[in-house]
Amino acid sequence: MNCKNCKSKIQGNYCAQCGNAKQLKRIDGHFILHEIEHVLHFEKGLFFTIKELLLRPGKCVREYISENRSRLVKPIIFIIVTSLIYTLAEHFFHIEKGYFKISADTTPTYDAISRWVHGHYGYANIIMGFFIACWLRIFFRKHDVNFFEILILLAFVMGIGMLFFALAAVLNGVTGFNVMPALSGVTFIYLSWAIGQFFDQGKLASFLKSGVAYVLGFISFSASTWVLGYGYDAFMR
């Protein structure tokens, strides 16, 4: 018979060209459990990815880009999953109203954009990553790293940042203390260290440039939402 994926002839239980199984197993409870175990598996899984990004972020992302792309969770999936974890923690403890406020002076479009960003951190982080990547590309233009490789780096380290925010949400809900400012500082230090390690390990200037690029990227992203929101409403008047 021919492979149902690539149409090549199959001899045995698997296609020699693409590896697709000759006969797919039926989806049942065992299949679901296996998929969950695959995601949480220490090697190639979420826990392993988190551990590597906490201990040696710059090195493991460089290895992912240039050596081995099978050990870590895919970067886009990672940032979306970690953002979802934060969103669930935030809404479970009902703390979003404590630090997410929209001024009454905002326009309807800007208000809608702000609420979308707040409700879709995974996608918003990906968009903000483009702005941060632009600044990093400028500050580290002498390095042999292209724009898309920087986006991969940001997807990983910003995903860890979302886990820090999720921890802050849990601690806030359990203890009643607003620890978000403190963990926001920890997150900023981590991001500066992780990005700096990716470019020039051990150089203080790299860590400082990474921090400045992240701040400028965040400001650029915020400014773009402001211009888009207020500009659109002004144009439609």
C-alpha atoms as a PDB file:
ATOM      1  CA  MET A   1       0.000   0.000   0.000  1.00  0.00           C
ATOM      2  CA  ASN A   2       1.008   3.638  -0.372  1.00  0.00           C
ATOM      3  CA  CYS A   3       1.700   5.953   2.547  1.00  0.00           C
ATOM      4  CA  LYS A   4      -1.300   8.135   3.312  1.00  0.00           C
ATOM      5  CA  ASN A   5       1.034  11.025   4.124  1.00  0.00           C
ATOM      6  CA  CYS A   6       3.620  11.164   1.318  1.00  0.00           C
ATOM      7  CA  LYS A   7       2.181   8.533  -1.076  1.00  0.00           C
ATOM      8  CA  SER A   8       5.389   6.460  -1.115  1.00  0.00           C
ATOM      9  CA  LYS A   9       5.134   2.667  -1.130  1.00  0.00           C
ATOM     10  CA  ILE A  10       5.275   1.121   2.359  1.00  0.00           C
ATOM     11  CA  GLN A  11       7.168  -2.053   3.178  1.00  0.00           C
ATOM     12  CA  GLY A  12       6.698  -2.863   6.844  1.00  0.00           C
ATOM     13  CA  ASN A  13       4.789  -0.998   9.520  1.00  0.00           C
ATOM     14  CA  TYR A  14       6.251   2.470   8.846  1.00  0.00           C
ATOM     15  CA  CYS A  15       6.990   4.574   5.772  1.00  0.00           C
ATOM     16  CA  ALA A  16      10.701   4.692   4.988  1.00  0.00           C
ATOM     17  CA  GLN A  17      10.373   8.214   3.555  1.00  0.00           C
ATOM     18  CA  CYS A  18       8.428  10.134   6.214  1.00  0.00           C
ATOM     19  CA  GLY A  19       8.104   7.693   9.126  1.00  0.00           C
ATOM     20  CA  ASN A  20       4.301   7.722   9.120  1.00  0.00           C
ATOM     21  CA  ALA A  21       2.706   4.589  10.554  1.00  0.00           C
ATOM     22  CA  LYS A  22       1.044   2.171   8.148  1.00  0.00           C
ATOM     23  CA  GLN A  23      -1.959   1.884  10.435  1.00  0.00           C
ATOM     24  CA  LEU A  24      -2.704   4.621  12.976  1.00  0.00           C
ATOM     25  CA  LYS A  25      -3.833   3.519  16.404  1.00  0.00           C
ATOM     26  CA  ARG A  26      -7.323   4.465  17.459  1.00  0.00           C
ATOM     27  CA  ILE A  27      -7.583   7.486  19.762  1.00  0.00           C
ATOM     28  CA  ASP A  28      -8.599   6.289  23.222  1.00  0.00           C
ATOM     29  CA  GLY A  29      -7.805   6.955  26.870  1.00  0.00           C
ATOM     30  CA  HIS A  30      -4.340   5.424  26.560  1.00  0.00           C
ATOM     31  CA  PHE A  31      -3.563   7.716  23.617  1.00  0.00           C
ATOM     32  CA  ILE A  32      -4.584  10.813  25.626  1.00  0.00           C
ATOM     33  CA  LEU A  33      -2.471   9.766  28.609  1.00  0.00           C
ATOM     34  CA  HIS A  34       0.494   9.132  26.317  1.00  0.00           C
ATOM     35  CA  GLU A  35       0.154  12.616  24.803  1.00  0.00           C
ATOM     36  CA  ILE A  36       0.080  14.203  28.263  1.00  0.00           C
ATOM     37  CA  GLU A  37       3.126  12.199  29.326  1.00  0.00           C
ATOM     38  CA  HIS A  38       4.892  13.277  26.138  1.00  0.00           C
ATOM     39  CA  VAL A  39       4.317  16.960  26.922  1.00  0.00           C
ATOM     40  CA  LEU A  40       5.423  16.633  30.556  1.00  0.00           C
ATOM     41  CA  HIS A  41       8.270  14.215  29.882  1.00  0.00           C
ATOM     42  CA  PHE A  42      11.534  15.388  31.428  1.00  0.00           C
ATOM     43  CA  GLU A  43      13.421  15.004  28.158  1.00  0.00           C
ATOM     44  CA  LYS A  44      11.926  16.900  25.220  1.00  0.00           C
ATOM     45  CA  GLY A  45       9.187  18.176  27.525  1.00  0.00           C
ATOM     46  CA  LEU A  46       7.927  21.182  29.407  1.00  0.00           C
ATOM     47  CA  PHE A  47       9.748  20.474  32.670  1.00  0.00           C
ATOM     48  CA  PHE A  48      13.058  19.855  30.931  1.00  0.00           C
ATOM     49  CA  THR A  49      12.675  23.044  28.882  1.00  0.00           C
ATOM     50  CA  ILE A  50      11.933  25.106  31.995  1.00  0.00           C
ATOM     51  CA  LYS A  51      14.905  23.628  33.838  1.00  0.00           C
ATOM     52  CA  GLU A  52      17.292  24.348  30.974  1.00  0.00           C
ATOM     53  CA  LEU A  53      16.005  27.905  30.535  1.00  0.00           C
ATOM     54  CA  LEU A  54      16.383  28.626  34.235  1.00  0.00           C
ATOM     55  CA  LEU A  55      19.915  27.227  34.577  1.00  0.00           C
ATOM     56  CA  ARG A  56      21.545  28.077  31.239  1.00  0.00           C
ATOM     57  CA  PRO A  57      19.137  30.000  29.020  1.00  0.00           C
ATOM     58  CA  GLY A  58      21.565  31.503  26.528  1.00  0.00           C
ATOM     59  CA  LYS A  59      23.479  28.274  26.004  1.00  0.00           C
ATOM     60  CA  CYS A  60      20.465  26.005  25.585  1.00  0.00           C
ATOM     61  CA  VAL A  61      18.782  28.372  23.106  1.00  0.00           C
ATOM     62  CA  ARG A  62      21.996  28.522  21.061  1.00  0.00           C
ATOM     63  CA  GLU A  63      22.100  24.723  21.084  1.00  0.00           C
ATOM     64  CA  TYR A  64      18.471  24.651  19.953  1.00  0.00           C
ATOM     65  CA  ILE A  65      19.213  26.997  17.057  1.00  0.00           C
ATOM     66  CA  SER A  66      22.459  25.479  15.809  1.00  0.00           C
ATOM     67  CA  GLU A  67      22.740  21.902  17.136  1.00  0.00           C
ATOM     68  CA  ASN A  68      19.657  20.071  18.400  1.00  0.00           C
ATOM     69  CA  ARG A  69      16.016  21.126  18.009  1.00  0.00           C
ATOM     70  CA  SER A  70      14.444  17.991  19.460  1.00  0.00           C
ATOM     71  CA  ARG A  71      15.206  18.396  23.166  1.00  0.00           C
ATOM     72  CA  LEU A  72      13.128  21.513  23.934  1.00  0.00           C
ATOM     73  CA  VAL A  73       9.452  22.314  23.502  1.00  0.00           C
ATOM     74  CA  LYS A  74       8.824  24.306  20.318  1.00  0.00           C
ATOM     75  CA  PRO A  75       9.302  28.013  21.181  1.00  0.00           C
ATOM     76  CA  ILE A  76       5.934  29.334  19.968  1.00  0.00           C
ATOM     77  CA  ILE A  77       4.094  26.525  21.751  1.00  0.00           C
ATOM     78  CA  PHE A  78       6.158  27.211  24.863  1.00  0.00           C
ATOM     79  CA  ILE A  79       5.274  30.901  25.118  1.00  0.00           C
ATOM     80  CA  ILE A  80       1.586  30.244  24.429  1.00  0.00           C
ATOM     81  CA  VAL A  81       1.418  27.448  27.035  1.00  0.00           C
ATOM     82  CA  THR A  82       3.231  29.494  29.684  1.00  0.00           C
ATOM     83  CA  SER A  83       1.025  32.501  28.962  1.00  0.00           C
ATOM     84  CA  LEU A  84      -2.012  30.258  29.362  1.00  0.00           C
ATOM     85  CA  ILE A  85      -0.671  29.089  32.725  1.00  0.00           C
ATOM     86  CA  TYR A  86      -0.386  32.716  33.822  1.00  0.00           C
ATOM     87  CA  THR A  87      -3.889  33.538  32.572  1.00  0.00           C
ATOM     88  CA  LEU A  88      -5.376  30.588  34.461  1.00  0.00           C
ATOM     89  CA  ALA A  89      -3.507  31.497  37.658  1.00  0.00           C
ATOM     90  CA  GLU A  90      -4.602  35.119  37.387  1.00  0.00           C
ATOM     91  CA  HIS A  91      -8.276  34.365  36.825  1.00  0.00           C
ATOM     92  CA  PHE A  92      -8.366  31.523  39.352  1.00  0.00           C
ATOM     93  CA  PHE A  93      -7.272  33.859  42.155  1.00  0.00           C
ATOM     94  CA  HIS A  94      -9.310  36.815  40.809  1.00  0.00           C
ATOM     95  CA  ILE A  95      -6.494  39.334  41.158  1.00  0.00           C
ATOM     96  CA  GLU A  96      -6.557  40.950  37.706  1.00  0.00           C
ATOM     97  CA  LYS A  97      -8.527  43.955  38.936  1.00  0.00           C
ATOM     98  CA  GLY A  98      -5.802  44.797  41.398  1.00  0.00           C
ATOM     99  CA  TYR A  99      -3.262  45.870  38.803  1.00  0.00           C
ATOM    100  CA  PHE A 100      -5.082  45.996  35.469  1.00  0.00           C
ATOM    101  CA  LYS A 101      -7.006  49.247  35.231  1.00  0.00           C
ATOM    102  CA  ILE A 102      -8.151  51.255  32.228  1.00  0.00           C
ATOM    103  CA  SER A 103      -8.537  54.985  32.625  1.00  0.00           C
ATOM    104  CA  ALA A 104     -11.889  56.559  31.896  1.00  0.00           C
ATOM    105  CA  ASP A 105     -10.105  58.976  29.545  1.00  0.00           C
ATOM    106  CA  THR A 106      -9.191  56.302  27.001  1.00  0.00           C
ATOM    107  CA  THR A 107     -10.859  56.011  23.613  1.00  0.00           C
ATOM    108  CA  PRO A 108     -13.039  52.980  22.746  1.00  0.00           C
ATOM    109  CA  THR A 109     -10.467  51.531  20.347  1.00  0.00           C
ATOM    110  CA  TYR A 110      -7.563  51.892  22.768  1.00  0.00           C
ATOM    111  CA  ASP A 111      -9.739  50.400  25.502  1.00  0.00           C
ATOM    112  CA  ALA A 112     -10.508  47.406  23.267  1.00  0.00           C
ATOM    113  CA  ILE A 113      -6.835  46.933  22.355  1.00  0.00           C
ATOM    114  CA  SER A 114      -5.775  47.067  26.023  1.00  0.00           C
ATOM    115  CA  ARG A 115      -8.356  44.489  26.987  1.00  0.00           C
ATOM    116  CA  TRP A 116      -7.303  42.235  24.105  1.00  0.00           C
ATOM    117  CA  VAL A 117      -3.650  42.424  25.180  1.00  0.00           C
ATOM    118  CA  HIS A 118      -4.625  41.635  28.765  1.00  0.00           C
ATOM    119  CA  GLY A 119      -6.750  38.670  27.710  1.00  0.00           C
ATOM    120  CA  HIS A 120      -4.344  37.212  25.131  1.00  0.00           C
ATOM    121  CA  TYR A 121      -0.877  37.375  26.677  1.00  0.00           C
ATOM    122  CA  GLY A 122       0.460  34.582  24.488  1.00  0.00           C
ATOM    123  CA  TYR A 123      -0.279  36.402  21.242  1.00  0.00           C
ATOM    124  CA  ALA A 124       0.587  39.800  22.752  1.00  0.00           C
ATOM    125  CA  ASN A 125       3.994  38.477  23.839  1.00  0.00           C
ATOM    126  CA  ILE A 126       4.669  37.234  20.333  1.00  0.00           C
ATOM    127  CA  ILE A 127       3.799  40.665  18.907  1.00  0.00           C
ATOM    128  CA  MET A 128       5.861  42.479  21.535  1.00  0.00           C
ATOM    129  CA  GLY A 129       8.728  40.135  20.729  1.00  0.00           C
ATOM    130  CA  PHE A 130       8.965  41.691  17.256  1.00  0.00           C
ATOM    131  CA  PHE A 131       9.584  45.113  18.806  1.00  0.00           C
ATOM    132  CA  ILE A 132      12.155  43.797  21.283  1.00  0.00           C
ATOM    133  CA  ALA A 133      13.859  41.813  18.519  1.00  0.00           C
ATOM    134  CA  CYS A 134      14.259  44.978  16.459  1.00  0.00           C
ATOM    135  CA  TRP A 135      16.107  46.707  19.289  1.00  0.00           C
ATOM    136  CA  LEU A 136      18.237  43.654  19.996  1.00  0.00           C
ATOM    137  CA  ARG A 137      19.137  43.437  16.317  1.00  0.00           C
ATOM    138  CA  ILE A 138      20.335  47.053  16.499  1.00  0.00           C
ATOM    139  CA  PHE A 139      22.299  46.669  19.733  1.00  0.00           C
ATOM    140  CA  PHE A 140      23.887  43.345  18.729  1.00  0.00           C
ATOM    141  CA  ARG A 141      24.199  43.951  14.988  1.00  0.00           C
ATOM    142  CA  LYS A 142      27.819  42.736  14.965  1.00  0.00           C
ATOM    143  CA  HIS A 143      26.757  39.238  16.034  1.00  0.00           C
ATOM    144  CA  ASP A 144      25.992  36.517  13.512  1.00  0.00           C
ATOM    145  CA  VAL A 145      22.373  36.158  14.632  1.00  0.00           C
ATOM    146  CA  ASN A 146      19.437  36.968  12.388  1.00  0.00           C
ATOM    147  CA  PHE A 147      16.103  38.522  13.319  1.00  0.00           C
ATOM    148  CA  PHE A 148      14.179  35.241  13.404  1.00  0.00           C
ATOM    149  CA  GLU A 149      16.733  33.547  15.651  1.00  0.00           C
ATOM    150  CA  ILE A 150      16.301  36.439  18.080  1.00  0.00           C
ATOM    151  CA  LEU A 151      12.543  35.829  18.011  1.00  0.00           C
ATOM    152  CA  ILE A 152      13.158  32.202  18.993  1.00  0.00           C
ATOM    153  CA  LEU A 153      15.301  33.370  21.907  1.00  0.00           C
ATOM    154  CA  LEU A 154      12.599  35.791  23.061  1.00  0.00           C
ATOM    155  CA  ALA A 155       9.841  33.187  22.819  1.00  0.00           C
ATOM    156  CA  PHE A 156      11.752  30.967  25.238  1.00  0.00           C
ATOM    157  CA  VAL A 157      12.867  33.559  27.783  1.00  0.00           C
ATOM    158  CA  MET A 158       9.602  35.533  27.728  1.00  0.00           C
ATOM    159  CA  GLY A 159       7.816  32.240  28.376  1.00  0.00           C
ATOM    160  CA  ILE A 160       9.840  31.885  31.578  1.00  0.00           C
ATOM    161  CA  GLY A 161       8.857  35.461  32.383  1.00  0.00           C
ATOM    162  CA  MET A 162       5.187  34.469  32.158  1.00  0.00           C
ATOM    163  CA  LEU A 163       5.838  31.666  34.653  1.00  0.00           C
ATOM    164  CA  PHE A 164       7.309  34.217  37.063  1.00  0.00           C
ATOM    165  CA  PHE A 165       4.149  36.292  36.664  1.00  0.00           C
ATOM    166  CA  ALA A 166       2.035  33.179  37.241  1.00  0.00           C
ATOM    167  CA  LEU A 167       3.947  32.541  40.462  1.00  0.00           C
ATOM    168  CA  ALA A 168       3.263  36.127  41.518  1.00  0.00           C
ATOM    169  CA  ALA A 169      -0.448  35.628  40.845  1.00  0.00           C
ATOM    170  CA  VAL A 170      -0.516  32.461  42.971  1.00  0.00           C
ATOM    171  CA  LEU A 171       1.405  34.072  45.851  1.00  0.00           C
ATOM    172  CA  ASN A 172      -0.830  37.122  45.666  1.00  0.00           C
ATOM    173  CA  GLY A 173      -3.960  34.998  45.814  1.00  0.00           C
ATOM    174  CA  VAL A 174      -2.704  32.753  48.645  1.00  0.00           C
ATOM    175  CA  THR A 175      -1.043  35.344  50.883  1.00  0.00           C
ATOM    176  CA  GLY A 176      -2.943  38.500  49.939  1.00  0.00           C
ATOM    177  CA  PHE A 177       0.310  40.403  49.440  1.00  0.00           C
ATOM    178  CA  ASN A 178       0.989  42.091  46.113  1.00  0.00           C
ATOM    179  CA  VAL A 179       4.294  40.488  45.126  1.00  0.00           C
ATOM    180  CA  MET A 180       3.931  41.405  41.459  1.00  0.00           C
ATOM    181  CA  PRO A 181       6.340  44.419  41.652  1.00  0.00           C
ATOM    182  CA  ALA A 182       9.052  42.278  43.271  1.00  0.00           C
ATOM    183  CA  LEU A 183       8.697  39.396  40.816  1.00  0.00           C
ATOM    184  CA  SER A 184       8.503  41.866  37.931  1.00  0.00           C
ATOM    185  CA  GLY A 185      11.960  43.037  38.996  1.00  0.00           C
ATOM    186  CA  VAL A 186      13.174  39.444  39.185  1.00  0.00           C
ATOM    187  CA  THR A 187      11.737  38.806  35.723  1.00  0.00           C
ATOM    188  CA  PHE A 188      13.514  41.824  34.268  1.00  0.00           C
ATOM    189  CA  ILE A 189      16.833  40.715  35.789  1.00  0.00           C
ATOM    190  CA  TYR A 190      16.337  37.196  34.437  1.00  0.00           C
ATOM    191  CA  LEU A 191      15.490  38.427  30.934  1.00  0.00           C
ATOM    192  CA  SER A 192      18.525  40.733  30.849  1.00  0.00           C
ATOM    193  CA  TRP A 193      20.769  37.903  32.055  1.00  0.00           C
ATOM    194  CA  ALA A 194      19.298  35.279  29.709  1.00  0.00           C
ATOM    195  CA  ILE A 195      19.462  37.462  26.597  1.00  0.00           C
ATOM    196  CA  GLY A 196      22.929  38.734  27.487  1.00  0.00           C
ATOM    197  CA  GLN A 197      24.154  35.174  27.988  1.00  0.00           C
ATOM    198  CA  PHE A 198      22.896  34.276  24.532  1.00  0.00           C
ATOM    199  CA  PHE A 199      24.997  36.990  22.889  1.00  0.00           C
ATOM    200  CA  ASP A 200      28.073  37.408  25.106  1.00  0.00           C
ATOM    201  CA  GLN A 201      28.284  35.285  28.207  1.00  0.00           C
ATOM    202  CA  GLY A 202      30.064  36.999  31.079  1.00  0.00           C
ATOM    203  CA  LYS A 203      30.097  40.511  29.609  1.00  0.00           C
ATOM    204  CA  LEU A 204      28.317  43.097  31.732  1.00  0.00           C
ATOM    205  CA  ALA A 205      27.762  45.318  28.694  1.00  0.00           C
ATOM    206  CA  SER A 206      25.714  42.578  27.029  1.00  0.00           C
ATOM    207  CA  PHE A 207      23.436  42.264  30.047  1.00  0.00           C
ATOM    208  CA  LEU A 208      22.950  46.031  30.182  1.00  0.00           C
ATOM    209  CA  LYS A 209      22.227  46.278  26.453  1.00  0.00           C
ATOM    210  CA  SER A 210      19.783  43.385  26.734  1.00  0.00           C
ATOM    211  CA  GLY A 211      17.906  45.128  29.536  1.00  0.00           C
ATOM    212  CA  VAL A 212      17.759  48.423  27.657  1.00  0.00           C
ATOM    213  CA  ALA A 213      16.584  46.680  24.465  1.00  0.00           C
ATOM    214  CA  TYR A 214      13.826  44.899  26.387  1.00  0.00           C
ATOM    215  CA  VAL A 215      12.615  48.149  27.965  1.00  0.00           C
ATOM    216  CA  LEU A 216      12.689  49.969  24.626  1.00  0.00           C
ATOM    217  CA  GLY A 217      10.811  47.098  22.992  1.00  0.00           C
ATOM    218  CA  PHE A 218       8.143  47.198  25.679  1.00  0.00           C
ATOM    219  CA  ILE A 219       7.833  50.976  25.331  1.00  0.00           C
ATOM    220  CA  SER A 220       7.643  50.681  21.536  1.00  0.00           C
ATOM    221  CA  PHE A 221       4.916  48.052  21.795  1.00  0.00           C
ATOM    222  CA  SER A 222       2.929  50.135  24.287  1.00  0.00           C
ATOM    223  CA  ALA A 223       3.352  53.244  22.154  1.00  0.00           C
ATOM    224  CA  SER A 224       2.135  51.386  19.063  1.00  0.00           C
ATOM    225  CA  THR A 225      -1.071  50.331  20.849  1.00  0.00           C
ATOM    226  CA  TRP A 226      -1.587  53.940  21.948  1.00  0.00           C
ATOM    227  CA  VAL A 227      -1.011  55.333  18.442  1.00  0.00           C
ATOM    228  CA  LEU A 228      -3.222  52.673  16.870  1.00  0.00           C
ATOM    229  CA  GLY A 229      -6.045  53.171  19.351  1.00  0.00           C
ATOM    230  CA  TYR A 230      -6.092  56.937  19.570  1.00  0.00           C
ATOM    231  CA  GLY A 231      -5.110  57.396  15.929  1.00  0.00           C
ATOM    232  CA  TYR A 232      -7.933  55.223  14.642  1.00  0.00           C
ATOM    233  CA  ASP A 233     -10.568  56.977  16.744  1.00  0.00           C
ATOM    234  CA  ALA A 234      -9.243  60.402  15.754  1.00  0.00           C
ATOM    235  CA  PHE A 235      -9.306  59.423  12.077  1.00  0.00           C
ATOM    236  CA  MET A 236     -12.872  58.110  12.284  1.00  0.00           C
ATOM    237  CA  ARG A 237     -14.243  61.291  13.819  1.00  0.00           C
END
